[in-house]
Amino acid sequence: MRRLRRTGALTAALLVVSGLTAAPASAAANSNEAALLKRVADQCESGAICFWEENDYEGSHWSWSPTNGYRNLPPYLHDNVGSFYANAAGCFIDWGENQEFRRVAVGDYSKAYKAGGKFGSRIDAVNKIGDCHP
């Protein structure tokens, strides 16, 4: 009986230690994510939406501002937006068979926008939020 108690205490101690070691790793991951988002927010000019062809804000990037009005995405981003960050509101448009429109608010972002068939794999154009039709 005594041995079982020690084993149980040892198991409980290991779980506590495991929980303590996992927390800093999780905090580090959150810290890395926050640093990445700050870098991206600083890189994307105020009042613009920035688009990258690769996940994690990598590769060539293009920016759009509401003052530009309606714009087709450049050929390298057409149906190929890997990530985006919004420092402005806007409307993402897919002119495909179902014609989809997605409203984007300031602070919206995705670091993997075309993964798994997400909208980044279908986006064709961007427009002002006021011209975003259902």
Protein backbone atom coordinates (compact mmCIF):
# COMPACT_ATOMS: atom_id res chain seq x y z
CA MET A 1 0.00 0.00 0.00
CA ARG A 2 2.74 2.42 0.89
CA ARG A 3 4.48 1.89 -2.44
CA LEU A 4 1.30 2.74 -4.36
CA ARG A 5 1.00 5.99 -2.50
CA ARG A 6 4.55 6.96 -3.38
CA THR A 7 3.94 6.05 -7.02
CA GLY A 8 0.77 8.10 -7.01
CA ALA A 9 2.60 11.02 -5.44
CA LEU A 10 5.38 10.67 -8.00
CA THR A 11 2.85 10.62 -10.84
CA ALA A 12 1.11 13.69 -9.44
CA ALA A 13 4.47 15.47 -9.11
CA LEU A 14 5.33 14.61 -12.72
CA LEU A 15 2.01 15.95 -13.92
CA VAL A 16 2.54 19.18 -12.04
CA VAL A 17 6.06 19.51 -13.42
CA SER A 18 4.81 18.71 -16.92
CA GLY A 19 2.18 21.39 -16.62
CA LEU A 20 4.78 23.89 -15.48
CA THR A 21 7.12 23.09 -18.35
CA ALA A 22 4.32 23.23 -20.91
CA ALA A 23 3.19 26.69 -19.86
CA PRO A 24 6.41 28.51 -20.85
CA ALA A 25 6.46 26.71 -24.21
CA SER A 26 2.90 27.83 -24.82
CA ALA A 27 3.75 31.35 -23.70
CA ALA A 28 6.75 31.32 -26.06
CA ALA A 29 4.51 30.26 -28.95
CA ASN A 30 2.07 33.08 -28.13
CA SER A 31 4.98 35.50 -27.86
CA ASN A 32 6.32 34.40 -31.27
CA GLU A 33 2.86 34.80 -32.80
CA ALA A 34 2.49 38.27 -31.26
CA ALA A 35 5.94 39.29 -32.57
CA LEU A 36 5.04 38.01 -36.06
CA LEU A 37 1.75 39.94 -36.07
CA LYS A 38 3.50 43.11 -34.89
CA ARG A 39 6.08 42.78 -37.68
CA VAL A 40 3.33 42.26 -40.24
CA ALA A 41 1.20 45.12 -38.90
CA ASP A 42 4.22 47.43 -39.06
CA GLN A 43 5.11 46.22 -42.58
CA CYS A 44 1.56 46.80 -43.85
CA GLU A 45 1.05 50.53 -44.18
CA SER A 46 -1.69 52.28 -42.25
CA GLY A 47 -5.02 52.32 -44.07
CA ALA A 48 -4.17 49.37 -46.33
CA ILE A 49 -4.78 45.65 -46.70
CA CYS A 50 -1.65 43.66 -47.52
CA PHE A 51 -1.63 40.35 -49.37
CA TRP A 52 1.21 37.80 -49.56
CA GLU A 53 1.46 34.88 -51.94
CA GLU A 54 2.80 32.53 -49.26
CA ASN A 55 1.63 31.47 -45.82
CA ASP A 56 3.14 33.25 -42.80
CA TYR A 57 3.39 36.59 -44.67
CA GLU A 58 6.21 35.39 -46.93
CA GLY A 59 6.92 35.92 -50.61
CA SER A 60 5.94 38.85 -52.78
CA HIS A 61 3.35 41.14 -51.29
CA TRP A 62 0.91 43.68 -52.64
CA SER A 63 -1.11 46.29 -50.80
CA TRP A 64 -4.46 47.86 -51.50
CA SER A 65 -6.09 50.95 -50.01
CA PRO A 66 -9.80 51.89 -50.07
CA THR A 67 -8.82 55.04 -51.97
CA ASN A 68 -7.81 52.70 -54.84
CA GLY A 69 -11.41 51.51 -55.18
CA TYR A 70 -12.08 48.25 -56.98
CA ARG A 71 -8.97 46.35 -58.05
CA ASN A 72 -8.35 42.92 -59.49
CA LEU A 73 -5.55 41.18 -57.64
CA PRO A 74 -2.27 40.93 -59.54
CA PRO A 75 -1.88 37.66 -61.49
CA TYR A 76 0.50 36.12 -58.92
CA LEU A 77 -2.15 36.60 -56.17
CA HIS A 78 -5.25 35.70 -58.21
CA ASP A 79 -6.71 32.63 -56.45
CA ASN A 80 -3.40 32.46 -54.57
CA VAL A 81 -3.41 34.62 -51.40
CA GLY A 82 -1.39 32.71 -48.82
CA SER A 83 -1.81 35.32 -46.07
CA PHE A 84 -3.18 38.81 -45.49
CA TYR A 85 -3.30 41.55 -42.86
CA ALA A 86 -5.92 44.33 -42.79
CA ASN A 87 -5.08 47.83 -41.61
CA ALA A 88 -8.26 48.95 -43.42
CA ALA A 89 -11.74 47.61 -43.99
CA GLY A 90 -12.46 46.09 -47.36
CA CYS A 91 -14.31 43.49 -49.37
CA PHE A 92 -12.70 40.36 -50.84
CA ILE A 93 -14.39 39.10 -53.99
CA ASP A 94 -14.49 35.73 -55.75
CA TRP A 95 -15.96 36.09 -59.25
CA GLY A 96 -16.26 32.31 -59.61
CA GLU A 97 -19.46 30.41 -60.25
CA ASN A 98 -20.95 31.28 -56.82
CA GLN A 99 -19.71 34.91 -56.64
CA GLU A 100 -18.72 35.25 -52.99
CA PHE A 101 -18.01 38.45 -51.08
CA ARG A 102 -16.15 38.58 -47.74
CA ARG A 103 -16.14 41.64 -45.50
CA VAL A 104 -12.81 42.39 -43.84
CA ALA A 105 -12.40 44.64 -40.78
CA VAL A 106 -9.33 46.48 -39.48
CA GLY A 107 -7.19 43.96 -37.59
CA ASP A 108 -8.41 40.90 -39.52
CA TYR A 109 -5.64 38.60 -40.68
CA SER A 110 -4.81 35.07 -41.74
CA LYS A 111 -1.39 33.52 -41.90
CA ALA A 112 -2.66 30.55 -43.96
CA TYR A 113 -5.53 31.92 -46.09
CA LYS A 114 -5.50 29.41 -48.95
CA ALA A 115 -4.87 26.29 -46.84
CA GLY A 116 -7.63 23.69 -47.00
CA GLY A 117 -9.62 25.54 -49.67
CA LYS A 118 -10.00 28.75 -47.65
CA PHE A 119 -11.04 31.94 -49.43
CA GLY A 120 -7.44 32.83 -50.35
CA SER A 121 -7.57 30.01 -52.90
CA ARG A 122 -10.54 31.73 -54.62
CA ILE A 123 -10.07 35.50 -54.16
CA ASP A 124 -10.01 37.50 -57.40
CA ALA A 125 -10.46 41.15 -56.38
CA VAL A 126 -10.78 43.64 -53.54
CA ASN A 127 -13.10 46.63 -53.13
CA LYS A 128 -14.30 49.19 -50.59
CA ILE A 129 -16.39 47.79 -47.73
CA GLY A 130 -19.35 49.98 -48.76
CA ASP A 131 -19.44 48.24 -52.13
CA CYS A 132 -19.45 44.72 -50.68
CA HIS A 133 -22.57 43.01 -52.00
CA PRO A 134 -23.96 39.70 -50.76
